[in-house]
Amino acid sequence: MANSPWSAIIADKVPLHQRGLASGFNGLFSLLGTAFGSIVAGIIVNKNDALPLYRNEIVQIFLLIALVQSLFVAYTLLTVKEEPLALERAIPFRLKTFMRAFFFKPAPTPISPGYCSDAFW
């Protein structure tokens, strides 16, 4: 979930000839962050502790994750400047069109009821 905004920033801010490298670093550091976080969590949590203490350690891990993510979100908000969309490129918002995107309307296929074809197996 957290990778989608980073991918959008890469697409918006990184020159075309460097996007592969930037995406690769994004994936690498995402993987390293997961591994490092797992190691830190393993250091904090002691499975031999009593249940109340164990629960407290789990809460500490989640708070640490929230703190680290909040710091990076704040850094991103302060350093990445958005360029406003030109008015001539802006598409007016239409609620009906927006809501229609959430509905699935399947097309007839050879295995759907009501489909008739001489070419069916």
N, C-alpha and C. Protein backbone atom coordinates (compact mmCIF):
# COMPACT_ATOMS: atom_id res chain seq x y z
N MET A 1 0.82 -1.18 0.00
CA MET A 1 0.00 0.00 0.00
C MET A 1 0.87 1.26 0.00
N ALA A 2 1.94 1.22 0.73
CA ALA A 2 2.79 2.41 0.80
C ALA A 2 3.63 2.60 -0.45
N ASN A 3 3.75 1.56 -1.27
CA ASN A 3 4.59 1.68 -2.45
C ASN A 3 3.93 2.45 -3.59
N SER A 4 2.61 2.47 -3.65
CA SER A 4 1.92 3.14 -4.75
C SER A 4 2.25 4.63 -4.84
N PRO A 5 2.22 5.38 -3.73
CA PRO A 5 2.58 6.79 -3.85
C PRO A 5 4.02 7.00 -4.30
N TRP A 6 4.92 6.13 -3.86
CA TRP A 6 6.32 6.27 -4.28
C TRP A 6 6.44 6.00 -5.77
N SER A 7 5.72 5.03 -6.27
CA SER A 7 5.75 4.75 -7.71
C SER A 7 5.22 5.94 -8.50
N ALA A 8 4.20 6.59 -7.99
CA ALA A 8 3.67 7.78 -8.66
C ALA A 8 4.68 8.93 -8.65
N ILE A 9 5.39 9.08 -7.54
CA ILE A 9 6.41 10.13 -7.47
C ILE A 9 7.53 9.85 -8.45
N ILE A 10 7.93 8.58 -8.56
CA ILE A 10 8.97 8.21 -9.51
C ILE A 10 8.52 8.56 -10.92
N ALA A 11 7.28 8.22 -11.25
CA ALA A 11 6.77 8.51 -12.60
C ALA A 11 6.70 10.01 -12.86
N ASP A 12 6.39 10.80 -11.84
CA ASP A 12 6.24 12.25 -12.01
C ASP A 12 7.56 13.00 -12.00
N LYS A 13 8.51 12.57 -11.19
CA LYS A 13 9.69 13.38 -10.92
C LYS A 13 11.00 12.87 -11.54
N VAL A 14 11.07 11.60 -11.86
CA VAL A 14 12.34 11.03 -12.35
C VAL A 14 12.34 11.04 -13.88
N PRO A 15 13.44 11.48 -14.49
CA PRO A 15 13.53 11.46 -15.96
C PRO A 15 13.31 10.05 -16.50
N LEU A 16 12.74 9.96 -17.68
CA LEU A 16 12.38 8.69 -18.29
C LEU A 16 13.53 7.69 -18.33
N HIS A 17 14.73 8.15 -18.67
CA HIS A 17 15.86 7.23 -18.80
C HIS A 17 16.39 6.73 -17.45
N GLN A 18 15.91 7.29 -16.33
CA GLN A 18 16.36 6.86 -15.00
C GLN A 18 15.26 6.16 -14.20
N ARG A 19 14.08 6.01 -14.76
CA ARG A 19 12.96 5.43 -14.00
C ARG A 19 13.18 3.98 -13.62
N GLY A 20 13.81 3.21 -14.49
CA GLY A 20 14.08 1.81 -14.16
C GLY A 20 15.01 1.70 -12.96
N LEU A 21 16.06 2.51 -12.97
CA LEU A 21 17.01 2.51 -11.86
C LEU A 21 16.33 2.97 -10.57
N ALA A 22 15.54 4.04 -10.67
CA ALA A 22 14.84 4.56 -9.49
C ALA A 22 13.84 3.54 -8.94
N SER A 23 13.12 2.87 -9.83
CA SER A 23 12.18 1.84 -9.40
C SER A 23 12.91 0.66 -8.77
N GLY A 24 14.06 0.33 -9.32
CA GLY A 24 14.87 -0.74 -8.74
C GLY A 24 15.33 -0.41 -7.33
N PHE A 25 15.81 0.82 -7.14
CA PHE A 25 16.20 1.24 -5.79
C PHE A 25 15.01 1.27 -4.85
N ASN A 26 13.86 1.69 -5.36
CA ASN A 26 12.64 1.69 -4.54
C ASN A 26 12.32 0.27 -4.06
N GLY A 27 12.38 -0.69 -4.97
CA GLY A 27 12.12 -2.08 -4.59
C GLY A 27 13.17 -2.63 -3.65
N LEU A 28 14.45 -2.30 -3.90
CA LEU A 28 15.54 -2.77 -3.05
C LEU A 28 15.38 -2.26 -1.62
N PHE A 29 15.15 -0.95 -1.49
CA PHE A 29 15.05 -0.39 -0.15
C PHE A 29 13.75 -0.79 0.56
N SER A 30 12.72 -1.08 -0.20
CA SER A 30 11.51 -1.62 0.40
C SER A 30 11.79 -3.00 1.00
N LEU A 31 12.52 -3.82 0.25
CA LEU A 31 12.90 -5.15 0.74
C LEU A 31 13.83 -5.06 1.94
N LEU A 32 14.84 -4.18 1.85
CA LEU A 32 15.78 -4.03 2.97
C LEU A 32 15.08 -3.48 4.21
N GLY A 33 14.13 -2.58 4.01
CA GLY A 33 13.37 -2.04 5.15
C GLY A 33 12.55 -3.12 5.83
N THR A 34 11.96 -4.01 5.02
CA THR A 34 11.19 -5.12 5.59
C THR A 34 12.09 -6.05 6.38
N ALA A 35 13.25 -6.37 5.82
CA ALA A 35 14.19 -7.26 6.51
C ALA A 35 14.71 -6.62 7.79
N PHE A 36 15.11 -5.33 7.70
CA PHE A 36 15.62 -4.63 8.88
C PHE A 36 14.54 -4.52 9.95
N GLY A 37 13.31 -4.23 9.53
CA GLY A 37 12.20 -4.14 10.49
C GLY A 37 11.92 -5.46 11.18
N SER A 38 12.04 -6.54 10.43
CA SER A 38 11.84 -7.87 11.03
C SER A 38 12.92 -8.18 12.06
N ILE A 39 14.15 -7.78 11.76
CA ILE A 39 15.24 -8.00 12.72
C ILE A 39 15.02 -7.18 13.97
N VAL A 40 14.65 -5.91 13.81
CA VAL A 40 14.40 -5.05 14.98
C VAL A 40 13.23 -5.61 15.79
N ALA A 41 12.17 -6.05 15.10
CA ALA A 41 11.03 -6.63 15.82
C ALA A 41 11.44 -7.87 16.59
N GLY A 42 12.31 -8.70 15.98
CA GLY A 42 12.79 -9.90 16.67
C GLY A 42 13.62 -9.57 17.89
N ILE A 43 14.34 -8.43 17.85
CA ILE A 43 15.13 -8.01 19.01
C ILE A 43 14.22 -7.50 20.12
N ILE A 44 13.16 -6.77 19.75
CA ILE A 44 12.26 -6.18 20.75
C ILE A 44 11.41 -7.25 21.41
N VAL A 45 10.90 -8.19 20.64
CA VAL A 45 9.97 -9.19 21.17
C VAL A 45 10.73 -10.38 21.72
N ASN A 46 10.37 -10.76 22.93
CA ASN A 46 10.92 -11.95 23.55
C ASN A 46 9.75 -12.91 23.77
N LYS A 47 9.74 -14.01 23.03
CA LYS A 47 8.60 -14.93 23.12
C LYS A 47 8.49 -15.63 24.47
N ASN A 48 9.52 -15.51 25.30
CA ASN A 48 9.47 -16.15 26.61
C ASN A 48 8.91 -15.23 27.69
N ASP A 49 8.59 -13.98 27.33
CA ASP A 49 8.03 -13.05 28.31
C ASP A 49 6.59 -13.43 28.64
N ALA A 50 6.12 -12.93 29.76
CA ALA A 50 4.73 -13.13 30.15
C ALA A 50 3.83 -12.44 29.12
N LEU A 51 2.59 -12.90 29.01
CA LEU A 51 1.68 -12.40 27.99
C LEU A 51 1.48 -10.88 28.04
N PRO A 52 1.25 -10.26 29.21
CA PRO A 52 1.08 -8.79 29.21
C PRO A 52 2.32 -8.05 28.69
N LEU A 53 3.51 -8.52 29.05
CA LEU A 53 4.74 -7.90 28.58
C LEU A 53 4.92 -8.13 27.08
N TYR A 54 4.58 -9.34 26.62
CA TYR A 54 4.66 -9.66 25.19
C TYR A 54 3.74 -8.75 24.38
N ARG A 55 2.52 -8.54 24.86
CA ARG A 55 1.58 -7.64 24.18
C ARG A 55 2.12 -6.22 24.14
N ASN A 56 2.75 -5.78 25.22
CA ASN A 56 3.34 -4.45 25.26
C ASN A 56 4.45 -4.31 24.23
N GLU A 57 5.24 -5.35 24.05
CA GLU A 57 6.31 -5.33 23.05
C GLU A 57 5.74 -5.25 21.64
N ILE A 58 4.64 -5.94 21.38
CA ILE A 58 3.99 -5.89 20.07
C ILE A 58 3.49 -4.47 19.80
N VAL A 59 2.90 -3.83 20.80
CA VAL A 59 2.43 -2.45 20.66
C VAL A 59 3.62 -1.53 20.37
N GLN A 60 4.75 -1.75 21.03
CA GLN A 60 5.94 -0.94 20.77
C GLN A 60 6.39 -1.06 19.32
N ILE A 61 6.32 -2.26 18.76
CA ILE A 61 6.71 -2.47 17.37
C ILE A 61 5.81 -1.67 16.44
N PHE A 62 4.50 -1.75 16.66
CA PHE A 62 3.57 -1.01 15.80
C PHE A 62 3.77 0.50 15.93
N LEU A 63 4.04 0.97 17.13
CA LEU A 63 4.30 2.40 17.33
C LEU A 63 5.59 2.82 16.64
N LEU A 64 6.60 1.97 16.68
CA LEU A 64 7.85 2.27 15.99
C LEU A 64 7.65 2.35 14.48
N ILE A 65 6.88 1.41 13.94
CA ILE A 65 6.56 1.44 12.50
C ILE A 65 5.81 2.72 12.16
N ALA A 66 4.82 3.09 12.96
CA ALA A 66 4.05 4.31 12.72
C ALA A 66 4.94 5.55 12.78
N LEU A 67 5.88 5.57 13.71
CA LEU A 67 6.79 6.71 13.84
C LEU A 67 7.69 6.84 12.61
N VAL A 68 8.29 5.73 12.20
CA VAL A 68 9.18 5.76 11.03
C VAL A 68 8.42 6.19 9.78
N GLN A 69 7.24 5.62 9.57
CA GLN A 69 6.45 5.99 8.40
C GLN A 69 6.02 7.46 8.46
N SER A 70 5.65 7.94 9.62
CA SER A 70 5.26 9.35 9.77
C SER A 70 6.42 10.28 9.46
N LEU A 71 7.62 9.91 9.89
CA LEU A 71 8.80 10.73 9.58
C LEU A 71 9.04 10.81 8.08
N PHE A 72 8.92 9.68 7.38
CA PHE A 72 9.14 9.68 5.94
C PHE A 72 8.03 10.40 5.19
N VAL A 73 6.80 10.31 5.67
CA VAL A 73 5.70 11.06 5.05
C VAL A 73 5.94 12.55 5.22
N ALA A 74 6.34 12.98 6.42
CA ALA A 74 6.62 14.40 6.66
C ALA A 74 7.77 14.88 5.77
N TYR A 75 8.82 14.09 5.66
CA TYR A 75 9.95 14.45 4.80
C TYR A 75 9.49 14.60 3.35
N THR A 76 8.68 13.65 2.88
CA THR A 76 8.18 13.70 1.51
C THR A 76 7.31 14.94 1.28
N LEU A 77 6.42 15.23 2.22
CA LEU A 77 5.54 16.40 2.08
C LEU A 77 6.34 17.70 2.05
N LEU A 78 7.44 17.75 2.78
CA LEU A 78 8.24 18.97 2.83
C LEU A 78 9.18 19.12 1.64
N THR A 79 9.58 18.02 1.03
CA THR A 79 10.60 18.12 -0.01
C THR A 79 10.09 17.93 -1.44
N VAL A 80 9.01 17.20 -1.63
CA VAL A 80 8.49 16.95 -2.98
C VAL A 80 7.43 18.00 -3.28
N LYS A 81 7.71 18.82 -4.27
CA LYS A 81 6.78 19.89 -4.64
C LYS A 81 5.95 19.45 -5.84
N GLU A 82 4.65 19.51 -5.68
CA GLU A 82 3.73 19.16 -6.77
C GLU A 82 3.63 20.30 -7.76
N GLU A 83 3.58 19.96 -9.04
CA GLU A 83 3.34 20.96 -10.07
C GLU A 83 1.85 20.94 -10.38
N PRO A 84 1.18 22.09 -10.28
CA PRO A 84 -0.25 22.10 -10.55
C PRO A 84 -0.56 21.72 -11.99
N LEU A 85 -1.67 21.05 -12.18
CA LEU A 85 -2.10 20.65 -13.50
C LEU A 85 -2.60 21.87 -14.26
N ALA A 86 -2.19 22.00 -15.50
CA ALA A 86 -2.64 23.12 -16.32
C ALA A 86 -4.16 23.04 -16.49
N LEU A 87 -4.82 24.18 -16.43
CA LEU A 87 -6.28 24.21 -16.52
C LEU A 87 -6.81 23.60 -17.81
N GLU A 88 -6.09 23.75 -18.90
CA GLU A 88 -6.57 23.18 -20.17
C GLU A 88 -6.50 21.66 -20.18
N ARG A 89 -5.71 21.06 -19.30
CA ARG A 89 -5.62 19.60 -19.22
C ARG A 89 -6.54 19.01 -18.18
N ALA A 90 -7.14 19.86 -17.37
CA ALA A 90 -8.00 19.39 -16.28
C ALA A 90 -9.30 18.82 -16.85
N ILE A 91 -9.72 17.70 -16.30
CA ILE A 91 -10.98 17.08 -16.70
C ILE A 91 -12.01 17.40 -15.62
N PRO A 92 -13.16 17.94 -15.98
CA PRO A 92 -14.16 18.27 -14.97
C PRO A 92 -14.68 16.99 -14.29
N PHE A 93 -14.91 17.10 -13.00
CA PHE A 93 -15.40 15.96 -12.23
C PHE A 93 -16.89 15.78 -12.47
N ARG A 94 -17.28 14.57 -12.82
CA ARG A 94 -18.68 14.23 -12.99
C ARG A 94 -18.96 13.00 -12.13
N LEU A 95 -19.87 13.17 -11.17
CA LEU A 95 -20.16 12.11 -10.21
C LEU A 95 -20.65 10.84 -10.92
N LYS A 96 -21.52 10.99 -11.92
CA LYS A 96 -22.06 9.83 -12.62
C LYS A 96 -20.94 9.02 -13.30
N THR A 97 -20.04 9.69 -13.97
CA THR A 97 -18.91 9.02 -14.63
C THR A 97 -18.01 8.36 -13.60
N PHE A 98 -17.77 9.03 -12.48
CA PHE A 98 -16.95 8.49 -11.41
C PHE A 98 -17.57 7.22 -10.83
N MET A 99 -18.86 7.26 -10.53
CA MET A 99 -19.54 6.11 -9.94
C MET A 99 -19.63 4.94 -10.92
N ARG A 100 -19.76 5.22 -12.21
CA ARG A 100 -19.85 4.18 -13.21
C ARG A 100 -18.58 3.33 -13.26
N ALA A 101 -17.46 3.91 -12.88
CA ALA A 101 -16.19 3.18 -12.89
C ALA A 101 -16.16 2.04 -11.88
N PHE A 102 -17.06 2.06 -10.88
CA PHE A 102 -17.06 1.03 -9.84
C PHE A 102 -17.97 -0.15 -10.17
N PHE A 103 -18.72 -0.08 -11.26
CA PHE A 103 -19.63 -1.16 -11.61
C PHE A 103 -19.03 -2.03 -12.70
N PHE A 104 -19.21 -3.32 -12.56
CA PHE A 104 -18.67 -4.29 -13.50
C PHE A 104 -19.80 -4.77 -14.39
N LYS A 105 -19.61 -4.66 -15.68
CA LYS A 105 -20.61 -5.12 -16.64
C LYS A 105 -19.92 -6.09 -17.58
N PRO A 106 -20.05 -7.38 -17.32
CA PRO A 106 -19.34 -8.35 -18.15
C PRO A 106 -19.90 -8.41 -19.56
N ALA A 107 -19.02 -8.64 -20.51
CA ALA A 107 -19.41 -8.80 -21.92
C ALA A 107 -19.71 -10.28 -22.16
N PRO A 108 -20.57 -10.57 -23.12
CA PRO A 108 -20.87 -11.99 -23.41
C PRO A 108 -19.62 -12.73 -23.89
N THR A 109 -19.46 -13.93 -23.40
CA THR A 109 -18.34 -14.78 -23.79
C THR A 109 -18.89 -16.14 -24.22
N PRO A 110 -18.08 -16.98 -24.85
CA PRO A 110 -18.59 -18.29 -25.28
C PRO A 110 -19.13 -19.16 -24.15
N ILE A 111 -18.76 -18.89 -22.91
CA ILE A 111 -19.25 -19.74 -21.82
C ILE A 111 -20.33 -19.06 -20.99
N SER A 112 -20.75 -17.85 -21.36
CA SER A 112 -21.79 -17.18 -20.60
C SER A 112 -23.17 -17.55 -21.15
N PRO A 113 -24.20 -17.61 -20.28
CA PRO A 113 -25.55 -17.95 -20.74
C PRO A 113 -26.04 -16.90 -21.75
N GLY A 114 -26.75 -17.35 -22.73
CA GLY A 114 -27.32 -16.44 -23.71
C GLY A 114 -26.41 -16.15 -24.88
N TYR A 115 -25.24 -16.70 -24.87
CA TYR A 115 -24.31 -16.48 -25.97
C TYR A 115 -24.52 -17.58 -27.00
N CYS A 116 -24.74 -17.21 -28.21
CA CYS A 116 -24.96 -18.19 -29.28
C CYS A 116 -23.90 -18.00 -30.36
N SER A 117 -23.22 -19.06 -30.72
CA SER A 117 -22.25 -18.94 -31.78
C SER A 117 -22.07 -20.31 -32.44
N ASP A 118 -22.00 -20.30 -33.74
CA ASP A 118 -21.75 -21.56 -34.46
C ASP A 118 -20.31 -22.00 -34.28
N ALA A 119 -19.43 -21.06 -33.87
CA ALA A 119 -18.02 -21.39 -33.72
C ALA A 119 -17.70 -21.95 -32.33
N PHE A 120 -18.74 -22.16 -31.52
CA PHE A 120 -18.48 -22.68 -30.17
C PHE A 120 -18.13 -24.15 -30.25
N TRP A 121 -17.06 -24.57 -29.71
CA TRP A 121 -16.47 -25.90 -29.74
C TRP A 121 -17.38 -26.89 -30.41
